Amino acid sequence: MPPGYHLWNTIMKMIKYTPILLLLLVIASCQKEPLSKPVAFTETSYKSLGTYDADGRPNYLLTPDVITQDMMTVIQSTLKNTIDLRTTHPELLASSAIADIRVTQPSDVYLTFVAQGASKANAVAFYTYSTSTPPASAKDIDTIVYAFQNAGYKTKLVAGDKVWLGSFQPGTSIGFVLMQDAWNFTTASLNNSAVHFCSNDVLNPEVSVSLKKHAVLIDYGAEGKTFVGFEDLDRTDPKCDHDFNDVVLYTTVVPK
């Protein structure tokens, strides 16, 4: 065997396989962590607070609340349509507060529709859990209850429409869900498999902590209200405008 044979053979093998090695390196570099991971509520059951008409308007609406012009002005000036809230009010997104309600004494809880700026027929629902053990994942949500079957595109709801969520005991917490485009006008029915965006950030699909929030809180002390503004698109989607006005609501807790 001539001198230098082994070295030459090694060099030739490296040249032969270099394109394959380079291709593998390119593929590996492209396999990045996804920006969003679907959240499946496969162990959750669904129901509604009551019946509703062919437009998704509940038949169990109560006497409506009065929504003043001052309230609407606050909402419209804070949650400007198609304007990125990260630019106008970054402090709302930086807050660690979530819209879940903690019941500390026997109480009736009500949910009021205020406004919507959506292009999708979104439903609004809620779930309950023990305050001491908040959900860590979708499998911890036993039941989701629809409150407003369509609170989005072509909704028949008007500002002030209100429903009774129920009577709750201390130690119970209530979380809220925007069900993206869940209302079907053709079949007058709801799609339980619609994408869920929850008031509790941990249940949302975005990977980045900075993008997981889908519900912001706006305090309006003048009338003792805290508005909840929802964003109805995955926040990693280039089409998301981050305006958080796709549905605006508030809750009222009345101790017994």
C-alpha atoms as a PDB file:
ATOM      1  CA  MET A   1       0.000   0.000   0.000  1.00  0.00           C
ATOM      2  CA  PRO A   2       1.627   3.291  -1.093  1.00  0.00           C
ATOM      3  CA  PRO A   3       2.636   5.876   1.509  1.00  0.00           C
ATOM      4  CA  GLY A   4      -0.107   8.374   2.318  1.00  0.00           C
ATOM      5  CA  TYR A   5      -2.848   6.027   1.098  1.00  0.00           C
ATOM      6  CA  HIS A   6      -4.942   6.260   4.283  1.00  0.00           C
ATOM      7  CA  LEU A   7      -4.736  10.042   4.368  1.00  0.00           C
ATOM      8  CA  TRP A   8      -5.729  10.281   0.703  1.00  0.00           C
ATOM      9  CA  ASN A   9      -8.611   7.862   1.203  1.00  0.00           C
ATOM     10  CA  THR A  10      -9.911   9.874   4.162  1.00  0.00           C
ATOM     11  CA  ILE A  11      -9.776  13.118   2.174  1.00  0.00           C
ATOM     12  CA  MET A  12     -11.678  11.559  -0.754  1.00  0.00           C
ATOM     13  CA  LYS A  13     -14.425  10.280   1.580  1.00  0.00           C
ATOM     14  CA  MET A  14     -14.800  13.736   3.108  1.00  0.00           C
ATOM     15  CA  ILE A  15     -15.140  15.283  -0.333  1.00  0.00           C
ATOM     16  CA  LYS A  16     -17.688  12.616  -1.343  1.00  0.00           C
ATOM     17  CA  TYR A  17     -19.947  13.123   1.668  1.00  0.00           C
ATOM     18  CA  THR A  18     -19.529  16.881   2.202  1.00  0.00           C
ATOM     19  CA  PRO A  19     -22.682  17.794   0.162  1.00  0.00           C
ATOM     20  CA  ILE A  20     -24.748  15.389   2.264  1.00  0.00           C
ATOM     21  CA  LEU A  21     -23.323  16.750   5.491  1.00  0.00           C
ATOM     22  CA  LEU A  22     -24.005  20.301   4.380  1.00  0.00           C
ATOM     23  CA  LEU A  23     -27.593  19.390   3.452  1.00  0.00           C
ATOM     24  CA  LEU A  24     -28.159  17.839   6.870  1.00  0.00           C
ATOM     25  CA  LEU A  25     -26.808  20.950   8.544  1.00  0.00           C
ATOM     26  CA  VAL A  26     -29.147  23.159   6.505  1.00  0.00           C
ATOM     27  CA  ILE A  27     -32.165  20.984   7.370  1.00  0.00           C
ATOM     28  CA  ALA A  28     -31.269  21.028  11.062  1.00  0.00           C
ATOM     29  CA  SER A  29     -30.949  24.809  11.050  1.00  0.00           C
ATOM     30  CA  CYS A  30     -34.423  25.151   9.498  1.00  0.00           C
ATOM     31  CA  GLN A  31     -36.138  23.013  12.142  1.00  0.00           C
ATOM     32  CA  LYS A  32     -36.866  25.884  14.493  1.00  0.00           C
ATOM     33  CA  GLU A  33     -39.206  25.889  17.460  1.00  0.00           C
ATOM     34  CA  PRO A  34     -42.768  26.642  16.224  1.00  0.00           C
ATOM     35  CA  LEU A  35     -44.139  30.072  17.103  1.00  0.00           C
ATOM     36  CA  SER A  36     -47.470  28.597  18.142  1.00  0.00           C
ATOM     37  CA  LYS A  37     -48.650  25.173  19.292  1.00  0.00           C
ATOM     38  CA  PRO A  38     -52.341  24.175  18.949  1.00  0.00           C
ATOM     39  CA  VAL A  39     -54.105  23.616  22.261  1.00  0.00           C
ATOM     40  CA  ALA A  40     -56.600  20.732  22.171  1.00  0.00           C
ATOM     41  CA  PHE A  41     -59.496  20.698  24.644  1.00  0.00           C
ATOM     42  CA  THR A  42     -60.190  17.019  23.975  1.00  0.00           C
ATOM     43  CA  GLU A  43     -61.270  16.219  27.534  1.00  0.00           C
ATOM     44  CA  THR A  44     -63.658  19.183  27.829  1.00  0.00           C
ATOM     45  CA  SER A  45     -67.447  19.043  27.485  1.00  0.00           C
ATOM     46  CA  TYR A  46     -69.514  21.972  26.145  1.00  0.00           C
ATOM     47  CA  LYS A  47     -72.921  23.392  26.868  1.00  0.00           C
ATOM     48  CA  SER A  48     -74.834  26.681  26.725  1.00  0.00           C
ATOM     49  CA  LEU A  49     -76.486  28.722  29.455  1.00  0.00           C
ATOM     50  CA  GLY A  50     -79.765  28.285  27.587  1.00  0.00           C
ATOM     51  CA  THR A  51     -81.380  28.385  24.179  1.00  0.00           C
ATOM     52  CA  TYR A  52     -80.654  30.897  21.421  1.00  0.00           C
ATOM     53  CA  ASP A  53     -82.131  31.976  18.119  1.00  0.00           C
ATOM     54  CA  ALA A  54     -80.958  31.428  14.533  1.00  0.00           C
ATOM     55  CA  ASP A  55     -78.652  34.452  14.780  1.00  0.00           C
ATOM     56  CA  GLY A  56     -76.951  33.206  17.922  1.00  0.00           C
ATOM     57  CA  ARG A  57     -78.722  35.714  20.163  1.00  0.00           C
ATOM     58  CA  PRO A  58     -79.447  34.196  23.591  1.00  0.00           C
ATOM     59  CA  ASN A  59     -83.060  33.736  24.680  1.00  0.00           C
ATOM     60  CA  TYR A  60     -81.959  34.231  28.300  1.00  0.00           C
ATOM     61  CA  LEU A  61     -80.864  37.862  28.138  1.00  0.00           C
ATOM     62  CA  LEU A  62     -81.686  39.935  31.205  1.00  0.00           C
ATOM     63  CA  THR A  63     -82.670  43.580  31.470  1.00  0.00           C
ATOM     64  CA  PRO A  64     -79.711  45.279  29.784  1.00  0.00           C
ATOM     65  CA  ASP A  65     -77.179  47.468  31.526  1.00  0.00           C
ATOM     66  CA  VAL A  66     -76.897  51.111  30.536  1.00  0.00           C
ATOM     67  CA  ILE A  67     -73.680  51.701  28.617  1.00  0.00           C
ATOM     68  CA  THR A  68     -72.926  55.401  28.815  1.00  0.00           C
ATOM     69  CA  GLN A  69     -71.243  57.437  26.119  1.00  0.00           C
ATOM     70  CA  ASP A  70     -68.363  58.051  28.523  1.00  0.00           C
ATOM     71  CA  MET A  71     -67.810  54.299  28.807  1.00  0.00           C
ATOM     72  CA  MET A  72     -67.796  53.888  25.036  1.00  0.00           C
ATOM     73  CA  THR A  73     -65.406  56.814  24.660  1.00  0.00           C
ATOM     74  CA  VAL A  74     -62.946  55.184  27.055  1.00  0.00           C
ATOM     75  CA  ILE A  75     -63.094  51.898  25.162  1.00  0.00           C
ATOM     76  CA  GLN A  76     -62.806  53.465  21.723  1.00  0.00           C
ATOM     77  CA  SER A  77     -59.920  55.691  22.740  1.00  0.00           C
ATOM     78  CA  THR A  78     -58.035  52.854  24.461  1.00  0.00           C
ATOM     79  CA  LEU A  79     -58.747  49.981  22.073  1.00  0.00           C
ATOM     80  CA  LYS A  80     -58.504  51.728  18.725  1.00  0.00           C
ATOM     81  CA  ASN A  81     -59.602  49.596  15.800  1.00  0.00           C
ATOM     82  CA  THR A  82     -56.666  47.981  13.928  1.00  0.00           C
ATOM     83  CA  ILE A  83     -54.145  49.937  16.049  1.00  0.00           C
ATOM     84  CA  ASP A  84     -51.515  47.807  17.791  1.00  0.00           C
ATOM     85  CA  LEU A  85     -51.986  48.009  21.557  1.00  0.00           C
ATOM     86  CA  ARG A  86     -48.285  47.273  22.044  1.00  0.00           C
ATOM     87  CA  THR A  87     -47.625  50.752  20.693  1.00  0.00           C
ATOM     88  CA  THR A  88     -50.475  52.711  22.261  1.00  0.00           C
ATOM     89  CA  HIS A  89     -50.820  51.041  25.678  1.00  0.00           C
ATOM     90  CA  PRO A  90     -47.975  48.572  26.280  1.00  0.00           C
ATOM     91  CA  GLU A  91     -48.655  48.698  30.013  1.00  0.00           C
ATOM     92  CA  LEU A  92     -51.910  46.762  29.498  1.00  0.00           C
ATOM     93  CA  LEU A  93     -49.998  43.897  27.926  1.00  0.00           C
ATOM     94  CA  ALA A  94     -47.186  44.059  30.462  1.00  0.00           C
ATOM     95  CA  SER A  95     -49.606  43.506  33.343  1.00  0.00           C
ATOM     96  CA  SER A  96     -49.626  40.023  34.848  1.00  0.00           C
ATOM     97  CA  ALA A  97     -53.283  40.437  35.866  1.00  0.00           C
ATOM     98  CA  ILE A  98     -55.778  38.173  34.143  1.00  0.00           C
ATOM     99  CA  ALA A  99     -59.517  38.570  33.638  1.00  0.00           C
ATOM    100  CA  ASP A 100     -60.508  35.516  35.696  1.00  0.00           C
ATOM    101  CA  ILE A 101     -62.947  36.246  38.518  1.00  0.00           C
ATOM    102  CA  ARG A 102     -62.188  35.053  42.049  1.00  0.00           C
ATOM    103  CA  VAL A 103     -65.340  34.538  44.110  1.00  0.00           C
ATOM    104  CA  THR A 104     -64.630  35.265  47.785  1.00  0.00           C
ATOM    105  CA  GLN A 105     -68.193  35.114  49.129  1.00  0.00           C
ATOM    106  CA  PRO A 106     -71.470  33.617  47.889  1.00  0.00           C
ATOM    107  CA  SER A 107     -72.270  35.691  44.800  1.00  0.00           C
ATOM    108  CA  ASP A 108     -74.233  35.990  41.596  1.00  0.00           C
ATOM    109  CA  VAL A 109     -72.025  36.758  38.602  1.00  0.00           C
ATOM    110  CA  TYR A 110     -73.177  38.517  35.443  1.00  0.00           C
ATOM    111  CA  LEU A 111     -71.478  39.086  32.082  1.00  0.00           C
ATOM    112  CA  THR A 112     -72.249  42.166  29.966  1.00  0.00           C
ATOM    113  CA  PHE A 113     -71.503  42.652  26.285  1.00  0.00           C
ATOM    114  CA  VAL A 114     -70.215  46.129  25.455  1.00  0.00           C
ATOM    115  CA  ALA A 115     -68.749  46.177  21.948  1.00  0.00           C
ATOM    116  CA  GLN A 116     -67.081  44.149  19.205  1.00  0.00           C
ATOM    117  CA  GLY A 117     -64.748  44.890  16.312  1.00  0.00           C
ATOM    118  CA  ALA A 118     -64.342  41.436  14.797  1.00  0.00           C
ATOM    119  CA  SER A 119     -64.498  40.007  11.296  1.00  0.00           C
ATOM    120  CA  LYS A 120     -65.220  36.557  12.725  1.00  0.00           C
ATOM    121  CA  ALA A 121     -68.385  35.209  14.348  1.00  0.00           C
ATOM    122  CA  ASN A 122     -66.780  34.647  17.739  1.00  0.00           C
ATOM    123  CA  ALA A 123     -68.500  33.042  20.702  1.00  0.00           C
ATOM    124  CA  VAL A 124     -67.810  33.930  24.329  1.00  0.00           C
ATOM    125  CA  ALA A 125     -67.812  31.201  26.951  1.00  0.00           C
ATOM    126  CA  PHE A 126     -66.597  30.535  30.481  1.00  0.00           C
ATOM    127  CA  TYR A 127     -65.375  27.771  32.756  1.00  0.00           C
ATOM    128  CA  THR A 128     -64.919  27.409  36.498  1.00  0.00           C
ATOM    129  CA  TYR A 129     -62.183  25.951  38.660  1.00  0.00           C
ATOM    130  CA  SER A 130     -61.047  25.839  42.253  1.00  0.00           C
ATOM    131  CA  THR A 131     -59.150  29.035  43.015  1.00  0.00           C
ATOM    132  CA  SER A 132     -56.550  27.020  44.905  1.00  0.00           C
ATOM    133  CA  THR A 133     -55.745  24.863  41.856  1.00  0.00           C
ATOM    134  CA  PRO A 134     -55.790  26.990  38.677  1.00  0.00           C
ATOM    135  CA  PRO A 135     -55.613  25.095  35.366  1.00  0.00           C
ATOM    136  CA  ALA A 136     -52.148  24.360  34.039  1.00  0.00           C
ATOM    137  CA  SER A 137     -53.333  22.979  30.695  1.00  0.00           C
ATOM    138  CA  ALA A 138     -56.476  22.343  28.651  1.00  0.00           C
ATOM    139  CA  LYS A 139     -57.000  18.932  30.251  1.00  0.00           C
ATOM    140  CA  ASP A 140     -57.752  20.718  33.540  1.00  0.00           C
ATOM    141  CA  ILE A 141     -60.894  22.327  32.052  1.00  0.00           C
ATOM    142  CA  ASP A 142     -63.861  19.997  32.595  1.00  0.00           C
ATOM    143  CA  THR A 143     -66.681  22.076  31.100  1.00  0.00           C
ATOM    144  CA  ILE A 144     -66.936  25.177  28.948  1.00  0.00           C
ATOM    145  CA  VAL A 145     -70.273  27.007  28.937  1.00  0.00           C
ATOM    146  CA  TYR A 146     -71.316  29.331  26.105  1.00  0.00           C
ATOM    147  CA  ALA A 147     -72.631  32.672  27.361  1.00  0.00           C
ATOM    148  CA  PHE A 148     -72.832  34.591  24.053  1.00  0.00           C
ATOM    149  CA  GLN A 149     -73.101  32.282  21.041  1.00  0.00           C
ATOM    150  CA  ASN A 150     -72.130  35.054  18.617  1.00  0.00           C
ATOM    151  CA  ALA A 151     -70.537  38.179  20.020  1.00  0.00           C
ATOM    152  CA  GLY A 152     -68.641  38.981  16.831  1.00  0.00           C
ATOM    153  CA  TYR A 153     -69.302  39.460  13.129  1.00  0.00           C
ATOM    154  CA  LYS A 154     -72.994  40.199  12.375  1.00  0.00           C
ATOM    155  CA  THR A 155     -73.918  39.758  16.029  1.00  0.00           C
ATOM    156  CA  LYS A 156     -77.415  40.791  17.068  1.00  0.00           C
ATOM    157  CA  LEU A 157     -76.172  41.738  20.514  1.00  0.00           C
ATOM    158  CA  VAL A 158     -76.299  45.389  21.492  1.00  0.00           C
ATOM    159  CA  ALA A 159     -74.238  47.253  24.050  1.00  0.00           C
ATOM    160  CA  GLY A 160     -75.488  46.403  27.534  1.00  0.00           C
ATOM    161  CA  ASP A 161     -76.893  42.956  26.766  1.00  0.00           C
ATOM    162  CA  LYS A 162     -76.363  40.919  29.927  1.00  0.00           C
ATOM    163  CA  VAL A 163     -76.550  37.298  31.063  1.00  0.00           C
ATOM    164  CA  TRP A 164     -76.426  35.605  34.455  1.00  0.00           C
ATOM    165  CA  LEU A 165     -73.534  33.164  34.661  1.00  0.00           C
ATOM    166  CA  GLY A 166     -74.803  31.638  37.884  1.00  0.00           C
ATOM    167  CA  SER A 167     -74.445  31.617  41.667  1.00  0.00           C
ATOM    168  CA  PHE A 168     -71.002  30.692  42.905  1.00  0.00           C
ATOM    169  CA  GLN A 169     -69.461  29.806  46.241  1.00  0.00           C
ATOM    170  CA  PRO A 170     -66.238  31.129  47.782  1.00  0.00           C
ATOM    171  CA  GLY A 171     -63.135  29.434  46.471  1.00  0.00           C
ATOM    172  CA  THR A 172     -64.480  29.314  42.915  1.00  0.00           C
ATOM    173  CA  SER A 173     -62.815  31.130  40.049  1.00  0.00           C
ATOM    174  CA  ILE A 174     -64.278  31.869  36.614  1.00  0.00           C
ATOM    175  CA  GLY A 175     -62.204  31.991  33.443  1.00  0.00           C
ATOM    176  CA  PHE A 176     -63.329  33.237  30.041  1.00  0.00           C
ATOM    177  CA  VAL A 177     -62.833  31.960  26.490  1.00  0.00           C
ATOM    178  CA  LEU A 178     -63.172  33.584  23.103  1.00  0.00           C
ATOM    179  CA  MET A 179     -64.059  30.810  20.658  1.00  0.00           C
ATOM    180  CA  GLN A 180     -62.727  31.973  17.295  1.00  0.00           C
ATOM    181  CA  ASP A 181     -65.405  32.003  14.575  1.00  0.00           C
ATOM    182  CA  ALA A 182     -67.335  29.329  16.473  1.00  0.00           C
ATOM    183  CA  TRP A 183     -70.800  30.445  15.337  1.00  0.00           C
ATOM    184  CA  ASN A 184     -72.037  28.964  12.040  1.00  0.00           C
ATOM    185  CA  PHE A 185     -74.758  31.071  10.424  1.00  0.00           C
ATOM    186  CA  THR A 186     -75.690  28.350   7.925  1.00  0.00           C
ATOM    187  CA  THR A 187     -76.410  25.669  10.516  1.00  0.00           C
ATOM    188  CA  ALA A 188     -77.171  28.032  13.430  1.00  0.00           C
ATOM    189  CA  SER A 189     -74.832  25.975  15.555  1.00  0.00           C
ATOM    190  CA  LEU A 190     -71.553  26.154  17.432  1.00  0.00           C
ATOM    191  CA  ASN A 191     -68.210  24.563  16.662  1.00  0.00           C
ATOM    192  CA  ASN A 192     -66.656  23.235  19.866  1.00  0.00           C
ATOM    193  CA  SER A 193     -63.418  22.591  17.980  1.00  0.00           C
ATOM    194  CA  ALA A 194     -62.905  26.280  17.215  1.00  0.00           C
ATOM    195  CA  VAL A 195     -59.623  27.804  18.354  1.00  0.00           C
ATOM    196  CA  HIS A 196     -59.821  28.795  22.025  1.00  0.00           C
ATOM    197  CA  PHE A 197     -58.275  32.013  23.319  1.00  0.00           C
ATOM    198  CA  CYS A 198     -58.486  32.155  27.095  1.00  0.00           C
ATOM    199  CA  SER A 199     -58.310  34.874  29.727  1.00  0.00           C
ATOM    200  CA  ASN A 200     -55.684  32.722  31.453  1.00  0.00           C
ATOM    201  CA  ASP A 201     -52.520  33.152  29.373  1.00  0.00           C
ATOM    202  CA  VAL A 202     -51.168  29.680  30.137  1.00  0.00           C
ATOM    203  CA  LEU A 203     -53.959  28.079  28.067  1.00  0.00           C
ATOM    204  CA  ASN A 204     -53.176  29.993  24.871  1.00  0.00           C
ATOM    205  CA  PRO A 205     -51.238  28.545  21.902  1.00  0.00           C
ATOM    206  CA  GLU A 206     -48.412  31.051  21.421  1.00  0.00           C
ATOM    207  CA  VAL A 207     -44.992  29.816  22.541  1.00  0.00           C
ATOM    208  CA  SER A 208     -43.540  33.217  23.442  1.00  0.00           C
ATOM    209  CA  VAL A 209     -44.672  34.449  26.850  1.00  0.00           C
ATOM    210  CA  SER A 210     -44.792  37.986  25.458  1.00  0.00           C
ATOM    211  CA  LEU A 211     -47.485  36.941  22.958  1.00  0.00           C
ATOM    212  CA  LYS A 212     -49.672  34.610  25.043  1.00  0.00           C
ATOM    213  CA  LYS A 213     -51.993  37.296  26.433  1.00  0.00           C
ATOM    214  CA  HIS A 214     -55.355  37.488  24.641  1.00  0.00           C
ATOM    215  CA  ALA A 215     -57.391  39.471  27.171  1.00  0.00           C
ATOM    216  CA  VAL A 216     -56.460  42.859  28.600  1.00  0.00           C
ATOM    217  CA  LEU A 217     -58.046  44.673  31.540  1.00  0.00           C
ATOM    218  CA  ILE A 218     -59.061  48.327  31.425  1.00  0.00           C
ATOM    219  CA  ASP A 219     -60.049  49.914  34.721  1.00  0.00           C
ATOM    220  CA  TYR A 220     -62.796  52.499  34.523  1.00  0.00           C
ATOM    221  CA  GLY A 221     -63.094  53.792  38.047  1.00  0.00           C
ATOM    222  CA  ALA A 222     -65.600  56.521  37.161  1.00  0.00           C
ATOM    223  CA  GLU A 223     -68.341  53.895  36.903  1.00  0.00           C
ATOM    224  CA  GLY A 224     -66.696  51.091  38.866  1.00  0.00           C
ATOM    225  CA  LYS A 225     -66.123  48.838  35.869  1.00  0.00           C
ATOM    226  CA  THR A 226     -63.225  46.802  34.546  1.00  0.00           C
ATOM    227  CA  PHE A 227     -63.487  46.138  30.841  1.00  0.00           C
ATOM    228  CA  VAL A 228     -62.031  43.009  29.256  1.00  0.00           C
ATOM    229  CA  GLY A 229     -60.817  43.349  25.675  1.00  0.00           C
ATOM    230  CA  PHE A 230     -60.089  40.188  23.650  1.00  0.00           C
ATOM    231  CA  GLU A 231     -57.866  39.610  20.613  1.00  0.00           C
ATOM    232  CA  ASP A 232     -59.289  36.911  18.303  1.00  0.00           C
ATOM    233  CA  LEU A 233     -56.260  35.980  16.154  1.00  0.00           C
ATOM    234  CA  ASP A 234     -53.177  33.988  17.030  1.00  0.00           C
ATOM    235  CA  ARG A 235     -50.717  36.726  17.900  1.00  0.00           C
ATOM    236  CA  THR A 236     -47.967  35.099  15.822  1.00  0.00           C
ATOM    237  CA  ASP A 237     -50.175  35.431  12.729  1.00  0.00           C
ATOM    238  CA  PRO A 238     -48.934  38.267  10.468  1.00  0.00           C
ATOM    239  CA  LYS A 239     -52.594  39.266   9.985  1.00  0.00           C
ATOM    240  CA  CYS A 240     -53.109  39.876  13.712  1.00  0.00           C
ATOM    241  CA  ASP A 241     -53.549  43.596  14.444  1.00  0.00           C
ATOM    242  CA  HIS A 242     -53.188  43.236  18.245  1.00  0.00           C
ATOM    243  CA  ASP A 243     -55.967  45.778  18.844  1.00  0.00           C
ATOM    244  CA  PHE A 244     -57.785  43.704  21.512  1.00  0.00           C
ATOM    245  CA  ASN A 245     -61.205  45.101  20.633  1.00  0.00           C
ATOM    246  CA  ASP A 246     -62.633  41.992  18.949  1.00  0.00           C
ATOM    247  CA  VAL A 247     -65.026  41.690  21.852  1.00  0.00           C
ATOM    248  CA  VAL A 248     -65.264  43.933  24.905  1.00  0.00           C
ATOM    249  CA  LEU A 249     -67.082  42.776  28.044  1.00  0.00           C
ATOM    250  CA  TYR A 250     -67.309  43.334  31.758  1.00  0.00           C
ATOM    251  CA  THR A 251     -68.458  41.247  34.697  1.00  0.00           C
ATOM    252  CA  THR A 252     -70.557  42.188  37.697  1.00  0.00           C
ATOM    253  CA  VAL A 253     -70.253  40.275  40.963  1.00  0.00           C
ATOM    254  CA  VAL A 254     -73.178  40.700  43.354  1.00  0.00           C
ATOM    255  CA  PRO A 255     -72.653  39.208  46.846  1.00  0.00           C
ATOM    256  CA  LYS A 256     -75.696  37.489  48.306  1.00  0.00           C
END
